[in-house]
Amino acid sequence: MIAGNPYTFAIIAEVVDEWNPEESTWRLGLLFFCVDGALFPNDIRTATLNAEIRPVKDLLKSLVIDKKLFNMEKEEAFVELYYATFPENWNRDNDWRFHISPLTMSDARCDVFAVSDGKRIRILASKVDYIREEERSDLTNLNISETYITNSELNTVIEKLEEFLQ
């Protein structure tokens, strides 16, 4: 299944029958996001599709409208969204509303964020390296993919995801 336009924003999901034991309730397969023609993650990982697509669909249905974030330069917006989701200050609550990466993608250190201005949706994605010795993420020199889609295009993606989950 391809939900959306891979040249702007799409979610690609495919069940791999050989990975699913008979009579299993799991739907194991491949899951990718396309943002401005770039694939996330950029390697093959086994995804539990029925458990990962539903939360993504729900987040896409309830995107936050934040005109300030929507209009920021992409590097600044990505960093702001990243630290809202994964604050450096451990006493601050995580704000997961913008983070649309499924678990498989997060495990690959790929972070995808979405924010709306009420009319359009801005999607930002990048692979983030982790500096183990400093115990933090490296948000310098990011290669950020960015795209804008309409509410109508987003609704088409959501409808395809709902069909896939049935």
N, C-alpha and C. Protein backbone atom coordinates (compact mmCIF):
# COMPACT_ATOMS: atom_id res chain seq x y z
N MET A 1 0.84 -1.17 0.00
CA MET A 1 0.00 0.00 0.00
C MET A 1 0.89 1.24 0.00
N ILE A 2 0.55 2.17 -0.84
CA ILE A 2 1.16 3.49 -0.82
C ILE A 2 0.04 4.47 -0.54
N ALA A 3 0.11 5.14 0.60
CA ALA A 3 -0.88 6.14 0.99
C ALA A 3 -0.25 7.51 0.81
N GLY A 4 -0.66 8.22 -0.24
CA GLY A 4 -0.12 9.54 -0.50
C GLY A 4 0.76 9.56 -1.72
N ASN A 5 1.48 10.65 -1.88
CA ASN A 5 2.36 10.87 -3.02
C ASN A 5 3.81 10.79 -2.54
N PRO A 6 4.58 9.78 -2.97
CA PRO A 6 5.95 9.63 -2.49
C PRO A 6 6.86 10.83 -2.77
N TYR A 7 6.50 11.66 -3.74
CA TYR A 7 7.32 12.83 -4.04
C TYR A 7 7.07 13.98 -3.06
N THR A 8 5.96 13.92 -2.31
CA THR A 8 5.70 14.92 -1.27
C THR A 8 5.64 14.21 0.09
N PHE A 9 4.52 13.52 0.37
CA PHE A 9 4.41 12.76 1.61
C PHE A 9 3.59 11.51 1.37
N ALA A 10 4.15 10.39 1.78
CA ALA A 10 3.45 9.11 1.66
C ALA A 10 3.90 8.17 2.76
N ILE A 11 3.02 7.24 3.06
CA ILE A 11 3.36 6.14 3.97
C ILE A 11 3.23 4.87 3.15
N ILE A 12 4.30 4.09 3.15
CA ILE A 12 4.34 2.83 2.41
C ILE A 12 4.34 1.70 3.42
N ALA A 13 3.37 0.81 3.30
CA ALA A 13 3.28 -0.34 4.20
C ALA A 13 2.97 -1.58 3.38
N GLU A 14 3.66 -2.65 3.70
CA GLU A 14 3.43 -3.90 2.98
C GLU A 14 3.63 -5.08 3.93
N VAL A 15 2.62 -5.92 4.02
CA VAL A 15 2.73 -7.14 4.81
C VAL A 15 3.63 -8.11 4.05
N VAL A 16 4.56 -8.73 4.76
CA VAL A 16 5.43 -9.76 4.17
C VAL A 16 4.97 -11.10 4.74
N ASP A 17 4.23 -11.83 3.92
CA ASP A 17 3.60 -13.08 4.39
C ASP A 17 4.59 -14.04 5.03
N GLU A 18 5.79 -14.13 4.47
CA GLU A 18 6.79 -15.08 4.99
C GLU A 18 7.22 -14.75 6.42
N TRP A 19 7.00 -13.53 6.85
CA TRP A 19 7.41 -13.12 8.19
C TRP A 19 6.31 -13.36 9.23
N ASN A 20 5.15 -13.78 8.77
CA ASN A 20 4.00 -13.94 9.66
C ASN A 20 3.66 -15.40 9.85
N PRO A 21 3.79 -15.90 11.08
CA PRO A 21 3.41 -17.30 11.33
C PRO A 21 1.91 -17.48 11.07
N GLU A 22 1.54 -18.70 10.72
CA GLU A 22 0.12 -18.98 10.49
C GLU A 22 -0.67 -18.68 11.75
N GLU A 23 -1.88 -18.19 11.55
CA GLU A 23 -2.81 -17.87 12.62
C GLU A 23 -2.27 -16.84 13.60
N SER A 24 -1.33 -16.02 13.17
CA SER A 24 -0.80 -14.96 14.02
C SER A 24 -1.69 -13.73 13.91
N THR A 25 -1.83 -13.01 15.00
CA THR A 25 -2.60 -11.76 14.97
C THR A 25 -1.73 -10.59 14.52
N TRP A 26 -0.43 -10.80 14.50
CA TRP A 26 0.49 -9.74 14.07
C TRP A 26 0.49 -9.63 12.56
N ARG A 27 0.73 -8.44 12.07
CA ARG A 27 0.90 -8.22 10.63
C ARG A 27 2.29 -7.63 10.45
N LEU A 28 3.28 -8.51 10.33
CA LEU A 28 4.66 -8.07 10.18
C LEU A 28 4.94 -7.72 8.73
N GLY A 29 5.74 -6.67 8.56
CA GLY A 29 6.06 -6.26 7.20
C GLY A 29 6.98 -5.07 7.18
N LEU A 30 6.89 -4.31 6.09
CA LEU A 30 7.74 -3.14 5.86
C LEU A 30 6.92 -1.87 6.04
N LEU A 31 7.57 -0.85 6.59
CA LEU A 31 6.91 0.43 6.81
C LEU A 31 7.92 1.55 6.55
N PHE A 32 7.57 2.42 5.63
CA PHE A 32 8.42 3.56 5.29
C PHE A 32 7.58 4.83 5.20
N PHE A 33 8.19 5.94 5.49
CA PHE A 33 7.61 7.25 5.20
C PHE A 33 8.43 7.85 4.06
N CYS A 34 7.77 8.52 3.15
CA CYS A 34 8.43 9.30 2.11
C CYS A 34 8.15 10.77 2.41
N VAL A 35 9.20 11.54 2.57
CA VAL A 35 9.07 12.97 2.80
C VAL A 35 9.94 13.67 1.76
N ASP A 36 9.30 14.39 0.86
CA ASP A 36 9.99 15.09 -0.22
C ASP A 36 10.88 14.14 -1.02
N GLY A 37 10.38 12.93 -1.26
CA GLY A 37 11.11 11.95 -2.06
C GLY A 37 12.14 11.14 -1.31
N ALA A 38 12.40 11.44 -0.05
CA ALA A 38 13.38 10.68 0.75
C ALA A 38 12.66 9.62 1.58
N LEU A 39 13.28 8.45 1.71
CA LEU A 39 12.71 7.34 2.48
C LEU A 39 13.22 7.34 3.91
N PHE A 40 12.30 7.10 4.84
CA PHE A 40 12.65 6.96 6.26
C PHE A 40 11.99 5.71 6.77
N PRO A 41 12.70 4.78 7.44
CA PRO A 41 14.14 4.76 7.56
C PRO A 41 14.76 4.38 6.22
N ASN A 42 16.06 4.45 6.15
CA ASN A 42 16.73 4.16 4.89
C ASN A 42 17.29 2.74 4.84
N ASP A 43 16.79 1.88 5.73
CA ASP A 43 17.17 0.48 5.70
C ASP A 43 15.95 -0.37 6.02
N ILE A 44 16.08 -1.68 5.79
CA ILE A 44 14.97 -2.61 6.01
C ILE A 44 14.87 -2.94 7.49
N ARG A 45 13.65 -2.78 8.02
CA ARG A 45 13.36 -3.14 9.40
C ARG A 45 12.00 -3.79 9.45
N THR A 46 11.84 -4.76 10.32
CA THR A 46 10.56 -5.42 10.46
C THR A 46 9.64 -4.56 11.32
N ALA A 47 8.47 -4.25 10.78
CA ALA A 47 7.49 -3.43 11.50
C ALA A 47 6.28 -4.29 11.86
N THR A 48 5.73 -4.05 13.01
CA THR A 48 4.46 -4.65 13.41
C THR A 48 3.37 -3.69 12.94
N LEU A 49 2.90 -3.89 11.73
CA LEU A 49 2.09 -2.90 11.04
C LEU A 49 0.79 -2.55 11.76
N ASN A 50 0.07 -3.56 12.27
CA ASN A 50 -1.20 -3.24 12.92
C ASN A 50 -1.00 -2.44 14.20
N ALA A 51 0.15 -2.55 14.84
CA ALA A 51 0.41 -1.80 16.07
C ALA A 51 1.06 -0.44 15.79
N GLU A 52 1.68 -0.26 14.64
CA GLU A 52 2.40 0.98 14.37
C GLU A 52 1.61 1.97 13.51
N ILE A 53 0.77 1.47 12.64
CA ILE A 53 0.03 2.37 11.76
C ILE A 53 -1.11 3.07 12.49
N ARG A 54 -1.79 2.38 13.38
CA ARG A 54 -2.93 2.98 14.09
C ARG A 54 -2.55 4.25 14.85
N PRO A 55 -1.47 4.26 15.66
CA PRO A 55 -1.12 5.51 16.35
C PRO A 55 -0.73 6.63 15.40
N VAL A 56 -0.07 6.28 14.29
CA VAL A 56 0.30 7.30 13.30
C VAL A 56 -0.97 7.92 12.72
N LYS A 57 -1.92 7.07 12.36
CA LYS A 57 -3.19 7.54 11.80
C LYS A 57 -3.90 8.47 12.79
N ASP A 58 -3.92 8.07 14.05
CA ASP A 58 -4.58 8.89 15.07
C ASP A 58 -3.89 10.24 15.24
N LEU A 59 -2.56 10.26 15.21
CA LEU A 59 -1.84 11.53 15.30
C LEU A 59 -2.12 12.41 14.09
N LEU A 60 -2.16 11.81 12.91
CA LEU A 60 -2.43 12.60 11.70
C LEU A 60 -3.84 13.19 11.73
N LYS A 61 -4.76 12.51 12.39
CA LYS A 61 -6.14 13.01 12.48
C LYS A 61 -6.28 14.16 13.47
N SER A 62 -5.29 14.35 14.32
CA SER A 62 -5.40 15.39 15.35
C SER A 62 -4.16 16.27 15.40
N LEU A 63 -3.70 16.71 14.24
CA LEU A 63 -2.49 17.53 14.20
C LEU A 63 -2.69 18.86 14.90
N VAL A 64 -1.63 19.30 15.53
CA VAL A 64 -1.64 20.56 16.27
C VAL A 64 -1.49 21.73 15.29
N ILE A 65 -2.30 22.76 15.51
CA ILE A 65 -2.15 23.99 14.74
C ILE A 65 -1.24 24.91 15.56
N ASP A 66 -0.10 25.25 14.99
CA ASP A 66 0.86 26.15 15.64
C ASP A 66 1.55 26.95 14.53
N LYS A 67 1.04 28.15 14.30
CA LYS A 67 1.54 28.97 13.20
C LYS A 67 2.99 29.39 13.40
N LYS A 68 3.40 29.57 14.66
CA LYS A 68 4.79 29.95 14.92
C LYS A 68 5.74 28.85 14.44
N LEU A 69 5.49 27.60 14.86
CA LEU A 69 6.31 26.47 14.43
C LEU A 69 6.19 26.26 12.93
N PHE A 70 5.00 26.41 12.40
CA PHE A 70 4.77 26.20 10.98
C PHE A 70 5.61 27.14 10.12
N ASN A 71 5.84 28.35 10.61
CA ASN A 71 6.52 29.37 9.82
C ASN A 71 8.02 29.51 10.12
N MET A 72 8.56 28.74 11.06
CA MET A 72 9.99 28.82 11.37
C MET A 72 10.83 28.27 10.23
N GLU A 73 12.10 28.70 10.18
CA GLU A 73 13.07 28.07 9.27
C GLU A 73 13.12 26.58 9.61
N LYS A 74 13.35 25.73 8.61
CA LYS A 74 13.22 24.29 8.84
C LYS A 74 14.18 23.75 9.90
N GLU A 75 15.42 24.22 9.94
CA GLU A 75 16.36 23.73 10.95
C GLU A 75 15.89 24.10 12.35
N GLU A 76 15.48 25.35 12.50
CA GLU A 76 14.99 25.83 13.79
C GLU A 76 13.72 25.09 14.20
N ALA A 77 12.81 24.89 13.26
CA ALA A 77 11.56 24.18 13.56
C ALA A 77 11.84 22.74 13.97
N PHE A 78 12.73 22.05 13.25
CA PHE A 78 13.03 20.67 13.58
C PHE A 78 13.60 20.56 14.99
N VAL A 79 14.56 21.41 15.31
CA VAL A 79 15.17 21.38 16.65
C VAL A 79 14.13 21.68 17.72
N GLU A 80 13.29 22.66 17.48
CA GLU A 80 12.23 23.02 18.44
C GLU A 80 11.27 21.84 18.65
N LEU A 81 10.86 21.20 17.58
CA LEU A 81 9.96 20.05 17.68
C LEU A 81 10.65 18.86 18.35
N TYR A 82 11.92 18.67 18.04
CA TYR A 82 12.68 17.57 18.65
C TYR A 82 12.75 17.75 20.17
N TYR A 83 13.11 18.95 20.60
CA TYR A 83 13.25 19.18 22.04
C TYR A 83 11.92 19.29 22.77
N ALA A 84 10.85 19.55 22.06
CA ALA A 84 9.52 19.47 22.69
C ALA A 84 9.19 18.00 22.97
N THR A 85 9.58 17.15 22.03
CA THR A 85 9.32 15.71 22.17
C THR A 85 10.29 15.04 23.12
N PHE A 86 11.57 15.41 23.01
CA PHE A 86 12.62 14.80 23.83
C PHE A 86 13.38 15.91 24.56
N PRO A 87 12.79 16.47 25.61
CA PRO A 87 13.43 17.62 26.28
C PRO A 87 14.77 17.27 26.92
N GLU A 88 15.70 18.23 26.85
CA GLU A 88 16.99 18.05 27.53
C GLU A 88 16.80 18.09 29.03
N ASN A 89 15.84 18.88 29.47
CA ASN A 89 15.52 18.98 30.89
C ASN A 89 14.61 17.80 31.25
N TRP A 90 15.11 16.88 32.02
CA TRP A 90 14.38 15.66 32.37
C TRP A 90 13.14 15.94 33.23
N ASN A 91 13.08 17.12 33.82
CA ASN A 91 11.93 17.49 34.64
C ASN A 91 10.76 18.01 33.82
N ARG A 92 10.99 18.26 32.54
CA ARG A 92 9.95 18.77 31.65
C ARG A 92 9.23 17.59 31.00
N ASP A 93 7.91 17.72 30.86
CA ASP A 93 7.13 16.66 30.22
C ASP A 93 7.39 16.62 28.72
N ASN A 94 7.37 15.42 28.18
CA ASN A 94 7.49 15.25 26.73
C ASN A 94 6.19 15.67 26.07
N ASP A 95 6.29 16.33 24.92
CA ASP A 95 5.12 16.72 24.14
C ASP A 95 5.14 15.89 22.86
N TRP A 96 4.37 14.82 22.84
CA TRP A 96 4.40 13.86 21.75
C TRP A 96 3.47 14.23 20.60
N ARG A 97 2.76 15.35 20.68
CA ARG A 97 1.72 15.68 19.70
C ARG A 97 2.25 15.90 18.29
N PHE A 98 3.49 16.28 18.13
CA PHE A 98 4.05 16.59 16.81
C PHE A 98 4.81 15.40 16.20
N HIS A 99 5.20 14.46 17.03
CA HIS A 99 6.08 13.35 16.63
C HIS A 99 5.23 12.23 16.03
N ILE A 100 5.32 12.04 14.71
CA ILE A 100 4.49 11.04 14.04
C ILE A 100 5.28 9.80 13.64
N SER A 101 6.49 9.66 14.12
CA SER A 101 7.32 8.49 13.79
C SER A 101 6.80 7.25 14.50
N PRO A 102 6.57 6.17 13.76
CA PRO A 102 6.23 4.91 14.43
C PRO A 102 7.47 4.34 15.12
N LEU A 103 7.25 3.36 15.97
CA LEU A 103 8.34 2.79 16.78
C LEU A 103 9.50 2.28 15.93
N THR A 104 9.21 1.60 14.84
CA THR A 104 10.27 1.08 13.98
C THR A 104 11.18 2.21 13.49
N MET A 105 10.57 3.33 13.15
CA MET A 105 11.34 4.47 12.66
C MET A 105 12.14 5.11 13.80
N SER A 106 11.52 5.24 14.95
CA SER A 106 12.23 5.81 16.11
C SER A 106 13.42 4.94 16.49
N ASP A 107 13.25 3.63 16.42
CA ASP A 107 14.36 2.71 16.71
C ASP A 107 15.52 2.93 15.75
N ALA A 108 15.22 3.39 14.53
CA ALA A 108 16.25 3.66 13.53
C ALA A 108 16.77 5.09 13.65
N ARG A 109 16.36 5.79 14.71
CA ARG A 109 16.77 7.19 14.98
C ARG A 109 16.25 8.15 13.89
N CYS A 110 15.13 7.80 13.26
CA CYS A 110 14.48 8.68 12.28
C CYS A 110 13.32 9.36 12.97
N ASP A 111 13.31 10.66 12.92
CA ASP A 111 12.24 11.42 13.56
C ASP A 111 11.48 12.21 12.52
N VAL A 112 10.16 12.05 12.54
CA VAL A 112 9.28 12.76 11.63
C VAL A 112 8.29 13.54 12.47
N PHE A 113 8.16 14.82 12.14
CA PHE A 113 7.26 15.72 12.86
C PHE A 113 6.28 16.34 11.89
N ALA A 114 5.07 16.65 12.38
CA ALA A 114 4.06 17.31 11.57
C ALA A 114 3.41 18.41 12.39
N VAL A 115 3.15 19.53 11.72
CA VAL A 115 2.48 20.67 12.35
C VAL A 115 1.62 21.33 11.28
N SER A 116 0.53 21.93 11.70
CA SER A 116 -0.40 22.54 10.77
C SER A 116 -0.52 24.04 11.04
N ASP A 117 -0.91 24.77 9.99
CA ASP A 117 -1.27 26.18 10.18
C ASP A 117 -2.79 26.34 10.06
N GLY A 118 -3.49 25.22 9.99
CA GLY A 118 -4.94 25.22 9.85
C GLY A 118 -5.39 24.92 8.42
N LYS A 119 -4.54 25.23 7.46
CA LYS A 119 -4.87 24.99 6.05
C LYS A 119 -3.95 23.97 5.41
N ARG A 120 -2.71 23.99 5.81
CA ARG A 120 -1.70 23.08 5.26
C ARG A 120 -0.98 22.37 6.39
N ILE A 121 -0.27 21.32 6.02
CA ILE A 121 0.51 20.55 6.97
C ILE A 121 1.96 20.59 6.52
N ARG A 122 2.83 20.85 7.49
CA ARG A 122 4.26 20.86 7.23
C ARG A 122 4.84 19.61 7.88
N ILE A 123 5.62 18.85 7.12
CA ILE A 123 6.22 17.62 7.63
C ILE A 123 7.73 17.75 7.50
N LEU A 124 8.42 17.47 8.60
CA LEU A 124 9.88 17.55 8.67
C LEU A 124 10.41 16.19 9.12
N ALA A 125 11.46 15.71 8.47
CA ALA A 125 12.02 14.40 8.83
C ALA A 125 13.53 14.42 8.72
N SER A 126 14.18 13.69 9.61
CA SER A 126 15.63 13.55 9.55
C SER A 126 16.06 12.35 10.37
N LYS A 127 17.22 11.84 10.04
CA LYS A 127 17.86 10.82 10.87
C LYS A 127 18.76 11.58 11.85
N VAL A 128 18.63 11.28 13.13
CA VAL A 128 19.36 11.98 14.17
C VAL A 128 20.38 11.04 14.79
N ASP A 129 21.63 11.45 14.80
CA ASP A 129 22.68 10.64 15.43
C ASP A 129 22.68 10.86 16.93
N TYR A 130 23.10 9.84 17.63
CA TYR A 130 23.19 9.91 19.09
C TYR A 130 24.65 9.83 19.49
N ILE A 131 25.10 10.78 20.31
CA ILE A 131 26.48 10.80 20.79
C ILE A 131 26.51 10.10 22.14
N ARG A 132 26.92 8.86 22.15
CA ARG A 132 26.86 8.05 23.38
C ARG A 132 27.70 8.64 24.51
N GLU A 133 28.92 9.06 24.19
CA GLU A 133 29.80 9.55 25.26
C GLU A 133 29.25 10.83 25.91
N GLU A 134 28.46 11.58 25.16
CA GLU A 134 27.86 12.79 25.72
C GLU A 134 26.41 12.57 26.13
N GLU A 135 25.89 11.37 25.84
CA GLU A 135 24.52 10.99 26.17
C GLU A 135 23.50 12.02 25.70
N ARG A 136 23.63 12.40 24.44
CA ARG A 136 22.66 13.34 23.86
C ARG A 136 22.62 13.15 22.36
N SER A 137 21.61 13.75 21.75
CA SER A 137 21.47 13.68 20.30
C SER A 137 22.26 14.81 19.66
N ASP A 138 22.77 14.53 18.49
CA ASP A 138 23.53 15.52 17.73
C ASP A 138 22.58 16.16 16.71
N LEU A 139 22.18 17.40 16.97
CA LEU A 139 21.25 18.09 16.09
C LEU A 139 21.95 19.11 15.21
N THR A 140 23.24 18.90 14.98
CA THR A 140 23.98 19.78 14.07
C THR A 140 24.13 19.07 12.74
N ASN A 141 24.22 19.82 11.70
CA ASN A 141 24.42 19.29 10.34
C ASN A 141 23.39 18.23 9.95
N LEU A 142 22.14 18.46 10.34
CA LEU A 142 21.07 17.54 9.99
C LEU A 142 20.72 17.67 8.51
N ASN A 143 20.40 16.56 7.91
CA ASN A 143 19.87 16.56 6.55
C ASN A 143 18.35 16.42 6.68
N ILE A 144 17.64 17.54 6.70
CA ILE A 144 16.21 17.56 6.97
C ILE A 144 15.43 17.56 5.66
N SER A 145 14.54 16.59 5.54
CA SER A 145 13.60 16.58 4.42
C SER A 145 12.34 17.30 4.88
N GLU A 146 11.78 18.09 3.99
CA GLU A 146 10.63 18.92 4.36
C GLU A 146 9.63 18.95 3.22
N THR A 147 8.36 18.92 3.58
CA THR A 147 7.32 19.04 2.57
C THR A 147 6.09 19.70 3.17
N TYR A 148 5.24 20.19 2.30
CA TYR A 148 3.96 20.78 2.68
C TYR A 148 2.88 20.08 1.89
N ILE A 149 1.80 19.71 2.58
CA ILE A 149 0.65 19.10 1.91
C ILE A 149 -0.61 19.81 2.37
N THR A 150 -1.67 19.63 1.61
CA THR A 150 -2.95 20.23 1.96
C THR A 150 -3.72 19.31 2.91
N ASN A 151 -4.74 19.86 3.53
CA ASN A 151 -5.61 19.03 4.38
C ASN A 151 -6.26 17.92 3.56
N SER A 152 -6.60 18.21 2.32
CA SER A 152 -7.20 17.21 1.44
C SER A 152 -6.23 16.05 1.18
N GLU A 153 -4.97 16.38 0.92
CA GLU A 153 -3.96 15.33 0.71
C GLU A 153 -3.77 14.50 1.97
N LEU A 154 -3.77 15.16 3.12
CA LEU A 154 -3.64 14.45 4.39
C LEU A 154 -4.83 13.50 4.59
N ASN A 155 -6.02 13.97 4.30
CA ASN A 155 -7.21 13.13 4.47
C ASN A 155 -7.16 11.90 3.57
N THR A 156 -6.58 12.03 2.38
CA THR A 156 -6.42 10.88 1.48
C THR A 156 -5.47 9.85 2.11
N VAL A 157 -4.39 10.32 2.72
CA VAL A 157 -3.45 9.41 3.40
C VAL A 157 -4.17 8.70 4.55
N ILE A 158 -4.90 9.44 5.35
CA ILE A 158 -5.61 8.86 6.50
C ILE A 158 -6.62 7.80 6.04
N GLU A 159 -7.37 8.09 4.97
CA GLU A 159 -8.34 7.14 4.45
C GLU A 159 -7.67 5.84 4.01
N LYS A 160 -6.53 5.93 3.34
CA LYS A 160 -5.80 4.73 2.90
C LYS A 160 -5.31 3.92 4.11
N LEU A 161 -4.84 4.63 5.15
CA LEU A 161 -4.38 3.94 6.36
C LEU A 161 -5.55 3.20 7.02
N GLU A 162 -6.71 3.84 7.06
CA GLU A 162 -7.89 3.20 7.65
C GLU A 162 -8.28 1.95 6.86
N GLU A 163 -8.23 2.03 5.54
CA GLU A 163 -8.52 0.86 4.70
C GLU A 163 -7.52 -0.26 4.99
N PHE A 164 -6.26 0.08 5.12
CA PHE A 164 -5.20 -0.90 5.38
C PHE A 164 -5.44 -1.62 6.70
N LEU A 165 -5.94 -0.89 7.69
CA LEU A 165 -6.14 -1.47 9.03
C LEU A 165 -7.37 -2.36 9.13
N GLN A 166 -8.23 -2.34 8.13
CA GLN A 166 -9.45 -3.16 8.19
C GLN A 166 -9.17 -4.60 7.86
